[in-house]
N, C-alpha and C. Protein backbone atom coordinates (compact mmCIF):
# COMPACT_ATOMS: atom_id res chain seq x y z
N MET A 1 56.33 -16.39 -103.48
CA MET A 1 56.99 -17.40 -102.68
C MET A 1 57.26 -18.64 -103.54
N PHE A 2 58.45 -19.15 -103.46
CA PHE A 2 58.84 -20.34 -104.21
C PHE A 2 58.22 -21.57 -103.56
N LYS A 3 57.74 -22.48 -104.41
CA LYS A 3 57.15 -23.71 -103.90
C LYS A 3 57.44 -24.85 -104.87
N PHE A 4 57.55 -26.05 -104.34
CA PHE A 4 57.73 -27.23 -105.17
C PHE A 4 56.36 -27.85 -105.43
N PRO A 5 55.97 -28.07 -106.69
CA PRO A 5 54.70 -28.73 -106.99
C PRO A 5 54.84 -30.24 -106.78
N GLU A 6 54.67 -30.66 -105.54
CA GLU A 6 54.98 -32.04 -105.14
C GLU A 6 54.25 -33.10 -105.96
N LEU A 7 53.08 -32.78 -106.47
CA LEU A 7 52.32 -33.72 -107.29
C LEU A 7 53.11 -34.16 -108.52
N HIS A 8 54.03 -33.31 -108.99
CA HIS A 8 54.79 -33.58 -110.21
C HIS A 8 56.23 -34.03 -109.95
N ARG A 9 56.59 -34.21 -108.68
CA ARG A 9 57.95 -34.60 -108.32
C ARG A 9 58.24 -36.04 -108.76
N LEU A 10 59.47 -36.26 -109.24
CA LEU A 10 59.92 -37.62 -109.54
C LEU A 10 60.38 -38.24 -108.22
N THR A 11 59.74 -39.34 -107.83
CA THR A 11 60.04 -39.97 -106.55
C THR A 11 60.68 -41.35 -106.71
N SER A 12 60.90 -41.76 -107.94
CA SER A 12 61.61 -43.02 -108.18
C SER A 12 62.52 -42.84 -109.39
N GLY A 13 63.48 -43.73 -109.51
CA GLY A 13 64.43 -43.65 -110.61
C GLY A 13 65.63 -42.80 -110.27
N PRO A 14 66.49 -42.56 -111.26
CA PRO A 14 67.76 -41.87 -111.00
C PRO A 14 67.61 -40.40 -110.61
N ARG A 15 66.50 -39.77 -110.92
CA ARG A 15 66.30 -38.36 -110.57
C ARG A 15 65.35 -38.18 -109.38
N ALA A 16 65.12 -39.24 -108.63
CA ALA A 16 64.20 -39.19 -107.49
C ALA A 16 64.73 -38.26 -106.40
N SER A 17 63.80 -37.59 -105.72
CA SER A 17 64.15 -36.74 -104.58
C SER A 17 63.00 -36.78 -103.57
N LYS A 18 63.29 -36.26 -102.40
CA LYS A 18 62.31 -36.26 -101.31
C LYS A 18 61.48 -34.99 -101.31
N VAL A 19 60.29 -35.08 -100.76
CA VAL A 19 59.38 -33.95 -100.64
C VAL A 19 60.10 -32.78 -99.96
N GLY A 20 59.93 -31.59 -100.54
CA GLY A 20 60.48 -30.37 -99.97
C GLY A 20 61.93 -30.08 -100.31
N GLU A 21 62.58 -30.99 -101.03
CA GLU A 21 63.98 -30.80 -101.40
C GLU A 21 64.11 -30.36 -102.85
N ASN A 22 65.30 -29.85 -103.19
CA ASN A 22 65.62 -29.62 -104.60
C ASN A 22 65.39 -30.94 -105.33
N GLY A 23 64.92 -30.86 -106.60
CA GLY A 23 64.68 -32.11 -107.29
C GLY A 23 64.17 -31.95 -108.70
N ALA A 24 63.76 -33.08 -109.27
CA ALA A 24 63.26 -33.13 -110.64
C ALA A 24 61.75 -33.32 -110.64
N PHE A 25 61.13 -32.74 -111.66
CA PHE A 25 59.68 -32.75 -111.80
C PHE A 25 59.33 -32.97 -113.27
N MET A 26 58.17 -33.53 -113.53
CA MET A 26 57.66 -33.69 -114.89
C MET A 26 56.27 -33.06 -114.94
N ILE A 27 56.07 -32.17 -115.89
CA ILE A 27 54.76 -31.58 -116.14
C ILE A 27 54.49 -31.79 -117.62
N ASP A 28 53.58 -32.72 -117.91
CA ASP A 28 53.38 -33.19 -119.28
C ASP A 28 54.73 -33.65 -119.82
N GLU A 29 55.19 -33.08 -120.94
CA GLU A 29 56.50 -33.50 -121.47
C GLU A 29 57.65 -32.60 -121.01
N LEU A 30 57.36 -31.63 -120.16
CA LEU A 30 58.38 -30.71 -119.67
C LEU A 30 59.21 -31.37 -118.56
N ARG A 31 60.50 -31.40 -118.76
CA ARG A 31 61.44 -31.93 -117.76
C ARG A 31 61.97 -30.74 -116.97
N ILE A 32 61.80 -30.80 -115.67
CA ILE A 32 62.11 -29.64 -114.83
C ILE A 32 63.03 -30.05 -113.69
N ILE A 33 64.03 -29.22 -113.45
CA ILE A 33 64.87 -29.36 -112.26
C ILE A 33 64.74 -28.05 -111.49
N ALA A 34 64.39 -28.16 -110.21
CA ALA A 34 64.19 -26.98 -109.38
C ALA A 34 65.13 -27.02 -108.20
N SER A 35 65.69 -25.86 -107.87
CA SER A 35 66.63 -25.80 -106.76
C SER A 35 66.60 -24.44 -106.10
N VAL A 36 67.01 -24.45 -104.84
CA VAL A 36 67.20 -23.23 -104.06
C VAL A 36 68.61 -23.32 -103.49
N GLY A 37 69.41 -22.30 -103.75
CA GLY A 37 70.77 -22.29 -103.22
C GLY A 37 71.57 -21.12 -103.73
N GLU A 38 72.64 -20.80 -103.01
CA GLU A 38 73.54 -19.71 -103.39
C GLU A 38 72.79 -18.38 -103.52
N GLY A 39 71.66 -18.22 -102.81
CA GLY A 39 70.90 -16.98 -102.83
C GLY A 39 69.90 -16.87 -103.97
N TRP A 40 69.63 -17.99 -104.66
CA TRP A 40 68.73 -17.97 -105.82
C TRP A 40 67.72 -19.11 -105.78
N GLU A 41 66.54 -18.84 -106.28
CA GLU A 41 65.57 -19.87 -106.64
C GLU A 41 65.74 -20.08 -108.14
N HIS A 42 65.77 -21.33 -108.57
CA HIS A 42 66.09 -21.64 -109.97
C HIS A 42 65.27 -22.81 -110.48
N VAL A 43 64.78 -22.68 -111.68
CA VAL A 43 64.07 -23.77 -112.35
C VAL A 43 64.61 -23.87 -113.77
N SER A 44 65.03 -25.07 -114.17
CA SER A 44 65.40 -25.30 -115.56
C SER A 44 64.30 -26.14 -116.20
N VAL A 45 63.98 -25.82 -117.43
CA VAL A 45 62.88 -26.47 -118.15
C VAL A 45 63.41 -26.93 -119.50
N SER A 46 63.26 -28.22 -119.79
CA SER A 46 63.74 -28.72 -121.08
C SER A 46 62.76 -29.70 -121.69
N LEU A 47 62.95 -29.89 -122.99
CA LEU A 47 62.21 -30.87 -123.78
C LEU A 47 63.23 -31.64 -124.60
N GLY A 48 62.82 -32.76 -125.14
CA GLY A 48 63.74 -33.58 -125.91
C GLY A 48 64.17 -32.98 -127.22
N GLY A 49 63.26 -32.34 -127.97
CA GLY A 49 63.60 -31.92 -129.32
C GLY A 49 63.36 -30.47 -129.66
N ARG A 50 63.02 -29.65 -128.67
CA ARG A 50 62.80 -28.22 -128.92
C ARG A 50 62.87 -27.47 -127.60
N CYS A 51 63.04 -26.15 -127.69
CA CYS A 51 62.99 -25.31 -126.50
C CYS A 51 61.55 -25.13 -126.04
N PRO A 52 61.34 -24.94 -124.75
CA PRO A 52 59.99 -24.66 -124.27
C PRO A 52 59.44 -23.37 -124.87
N LYS A 53 58.15 -23.34 -125.10
CA LYS A 53 57.46 -22.14 -125.60
C LYS A 53 57.20 -21.18 -124.44
N TRP A 54 56.92 -19.94 -124.79
CA TRP A 54 56.58 -18.93 -123.78
C TRP A 54 55.42 -19.42 -122.92
N SER A 55 54.38 -19.96 -123.55
CA SER A 55 53.21 -20.43 -122.80
C SER A 55 53.58 -21.54 -121.81
N GLU A 56 54.51 -22.41 -122.19
CA GLU A 56 54.95 -23.48 -121.30
C GLU A 56 55.75 -22.92 -120.13
N MET A 57 56.59 -21.92 -120.41
CA MET A 57 57.35 -21.29 -119.33
C MET A 57 56.42 -20.57 -118.36
N CYS A 58 55.32 -20.02 -118.87
CA CYS A 58 54.34 -19.36 -118.00
C CYS A 58 53.66 -20.37 -117.08
N ILE A 59 53.37 -21.56 -117.59
CA ILE A 59 52.79 -22.62 -116.76
C ILE A 59 53.77 -23.00 -115.65
N VAL A 60 55.02 -23.17 -115.99
CA VAL A 60 56.04 -23.53 -115.01
C VAL A 60 56.20 -22.42 -113.97
N LYS A 61 56.26 -21.19 -114.44
CA LYS A 61 56.39 -20.06 -113.50
C LYS A 61 55.24 -20.08 -112.50
N ALA A 62 54.02 -20.31 -112.97
CA ALA A 62 52.84 -20.31 -112.10
C ALA A 62 52.85 -21.48 -111.11
N MET A 63 53.49 -22.58 -111.48
CA MET A 63 53.52 -23.74 -110.58
C MET A 63 54.57 -23.60 -109.49
N PHE A 64 55.64 -22.86 -109.75
CA PHE A 64 56.73 -22.74 -108.78
C PHE A 64 56.72 -21.42 -108.01
N TRP A 65 56.08 -20.39 -108.55
CA TRP A 65 56.05 -19.09 -107.88
C TRP A 65 54.63 -18.54 -107.85
N ASP A 66 54.42 -17.56 -107.00
CA ASP A 66 53.14 -16.87 -106.91
C ASP A 66 52.96 -15.92 -108.09
N ASP A 67 51.72 -15.54 -108.35
CA ASP A 67 51.40 -14.66 -109.48
C ASP A 67 52.17 -13.34 -109.43
N GLU A 68 52.37 -12.79 -108.25
CA GLU A 68 53.01 -11.48 -108.14
C GLU A 68 54.52 -11.55 -107.98
N ASP A 69 55.09 -12.73 -108.02
CA ASP A 69 56.55 -12.87 -107.98
C ASP A 69 57.12 -12.57 -109.36
N CYS A 70 58.20 -11.82 -109.39
CA CYS A 70 58.90 -11.52 -110.64
C CYS A 70 60.08 -12.47 -110.76
N VAL A 71 60.14 -13.20 -111.86
CA VAL A 71 61.27 -14.08 -112.14
C VAL A 71 61.85 -13.67 -113.49
N VAL A 72 63.09 -14.04 -113.74
CA VAL A 72 63.76 -13.60 -114.97
C VAL A 72 64.41 -14.76 -115.70
N GLN A 73 64.63 -14.52 -116.98
CA GLN A 73 65.41 -15.38 -117.85
C GLN A 73 66.59 -14.52 -118.29
N PHE A 74 67.81 -14.93 -117.94
CA PHE A 74 68.98 -14.12 -118.23
C PHE A 74 69.57 -14.43 -119.61
N HIS A 75 70.17 -13.42 -120.20
CA HIS A 75 71.02 -13.56 -121.38
C HIS A 75 72.39 -13.06 -120.95
N PRO A 76 73.24 -13.96 -120.44
CA PRO A 76 74.52 -13.52 -119.88
C PRO A 76 75.51 -13.11 -120.96
N PRO A 77 76.60 -12.46 -120.53
CA PRO A 77 77.66 -12.15 -121.49
C PRO A 77 78.16 -13.45 -122.13
N LYS A 78 78.56 -13.38 -123.37
CA LYS A 78 79.01 -14.57 -124.10
C LYS A 78 80.11 -15.31 -123.33
N SER A 79 80.99 -14.57 -122.68
CA SER A 79 82.09 -15.20 -121.96
C SER A 79 81.61 -16.03 -120.76
N GLU A 80 80.38 -15.81 -120.30
CA GLU A 80 79.84 -16.54 -119.16
C GLU A 80 78.74 -17.52 -119.58
N HIS A 81 78.50 -17.64 -120.86
CA HIS A 81 77.42 -18.50 -121.35
C HIS A 81 77.74 -19.97 -121.11
N VAL A 82 76.77 -20.72 -120.61
CA VAL A 82 76.88 -22.16 -120.40
C VAL A 82 75.69 -22.81 -121.08
N ASN A 83 75.94 -23.85 -121.88
CA ASN A 83 74.85 -24.54 -122.56
C ASN A 83 75.07 -26.04 -122.42
N CYS A 84 74.45 -26.62 -121.39
CA CYS A 84 74.59 -28.06 -121.15
C CYS A 84 73.52 -28.86 -121.89
N HIS A 85 72.49 -28.19 -122.37
CA HIS A 85 71.39 -28.86 -123.07
C HIS A 85 70.84 -27.89 -124.11
N PRO A 86 70.76 -28.29 -125.38
CA PRO A 86 70.35 -27.34 -126.42
C PRO A 86 68.89 -26.89 -126.35
N TYR A 87 68.06 -27.58 -125.58
CA TYR A 87 66.64 -27.24 -125.52
C TYR A 87 66.18 -26.93 -124.10
N CYS A 88 67.02 -26.25 -123.33
CA CYS A 88 66.73 -25.94 -121.93
C CYS A 88 66.71 -24.43 -121.71
N LEU A 89 65.70 -23.97 -120.99
CA LEU A 89 65.60 -22.57 -120.58
C LEU A 89 65.53 -22.52 -119.06
N HIS A 90 65.90 -21.37 -118.49
CA HIS A 90 65.99 -21.24 -117.04
C HIS A 90 65.19 -20.03 -116.55
N LEU A 91 64.59 -20.18 -115.38
CA LEU A 91 63.94 -19.08 -114.67
C LEU A 91 64.67 -18.90 -113.34
N TRP A 92 64.87 -17.64 -112.97
CA TRP A 92 65.64 -17.30 -111.78
C TRP A 92 64.92 -16.25 -110.95
N ARG A 93 65.10 -16.31 -109.63
CA ARG A 93 64.61 -15.26 -108.73
C ARG A 93 65.57 -15.16 -107.55
N PRO A 94 66.10 -13.96 -107.29
CA PRO A 94 66.99 -13.81 -106.14
C PRO A 94 66.18 -13.90 -104.84
N ILE A 95 66.77 -14.50 -103.82
CA ILE A 95 66.09 -14.64 -102.53
C ILE A 95 66.31 -13.38 -101.71
N GLY A 96 65.20 -12.81 -101.21
CA GLY A 96 65.28 -11.66 -100.32
C GLY A 96 65.52 -10.33 -100.99
N ARG A 97 65.44 -10.29 -102.31
CA ARG A 97 65.62 -9.04 -103.05
C ARG A 97 64.56 -8.93 -104.13
N ASP A 98 64.12 -7.71 -104.39
CA ASP A 98 63.20 -7.47 -105.50
C ASP A 98 63.99 -7.31 -106.79
N ILE A 99 63.38 -7.70 -107.89
CA ILE A 99 63.97 -7.49 -109.20
C ILE A 99 63.39 -6.20 -109.76
N GLU A 100 64.27 -5.26 -110.08
CA GLU A 100 63.80 -4.01 -110.66
C GLU A 100 63.31 -4.27 -112.08
N THR A 101 62.14 -3.74 -112.40
CA THR A 101 61.58 -3.88 -113.74
C THR A 101 61.31 -2.50 -114.31
N PRO A 102 61.35 -2.36 -115.63
CA PRO A 102 61.04 -1.06 -116.24
C PRO A 102 59.54 -0.78 -116.11
N PRO A 103 59.15 0.48 -116.24
CA PRO A 103 57.71 0.79 -116.22
C PRO A 103 57.00 0.03 -117.32
N SER A 104 55.83 -0.51 -117.01
CA SER A 104 55.09 -1.33 -117.98
C SER A 104 54.73 -0.55 -119.26
N ILE A 105 54.60 0.77 -119.18
CA ILE A 105 54.24 1.57 -120.34
C ILE A 105 55.34 1.48 -121.43
N LEU A 106 56.58 1.15 -121.03
CA LEU A 106 57.65 1.00 -122.01
C LEU A 106 57.45 -0.25 -122.88
N VAL A 107 56.63 -1.19 -122.41
CA VAL A 107 56.29 -2.37 -123.20
C VAL A 107 55.07 -2.06 -124.06
N GLY A 108 54.12 -1.37 -123.48
CA GLY A 108 52.90 -1.01 -124.21
C GLY A 108 51.81 -0.63 -123.24
N PRO A 109 50.71 -0.08 -123.75
CA PRO A 109 49.60 0.29 -122.85
C PRO A 109 48.90 -0.94 -122.31
N LYS A 110 48.38 -0.81 -121.10
CA LYS A 110 47.64 -1.92 -120.49
C LYS A 110 46.23 -1.96 -121.01
């Protein structure tokens, strides 16, 4: 289930938003924008001078979704690629649909 970590919400300044709405969040130095719309839950994560690390994306995933929720990072076709920030990564989850995943054994033994 998607949730907004209200403790980290920006409530003043140009990126301020109200509790329970799409908005901006700060977790340490991670700048996050979270939204629900068009059939998707979406979180963008950026830093000033580098892309977020895998471990940082895992922290964000855990704060916005439950442990058993599957979210994805897409690599779209080049013709559909959009890059508004050089150090931003995105997590996505479709609303009301499961994301098919390959068998875990294809990654390695548990």
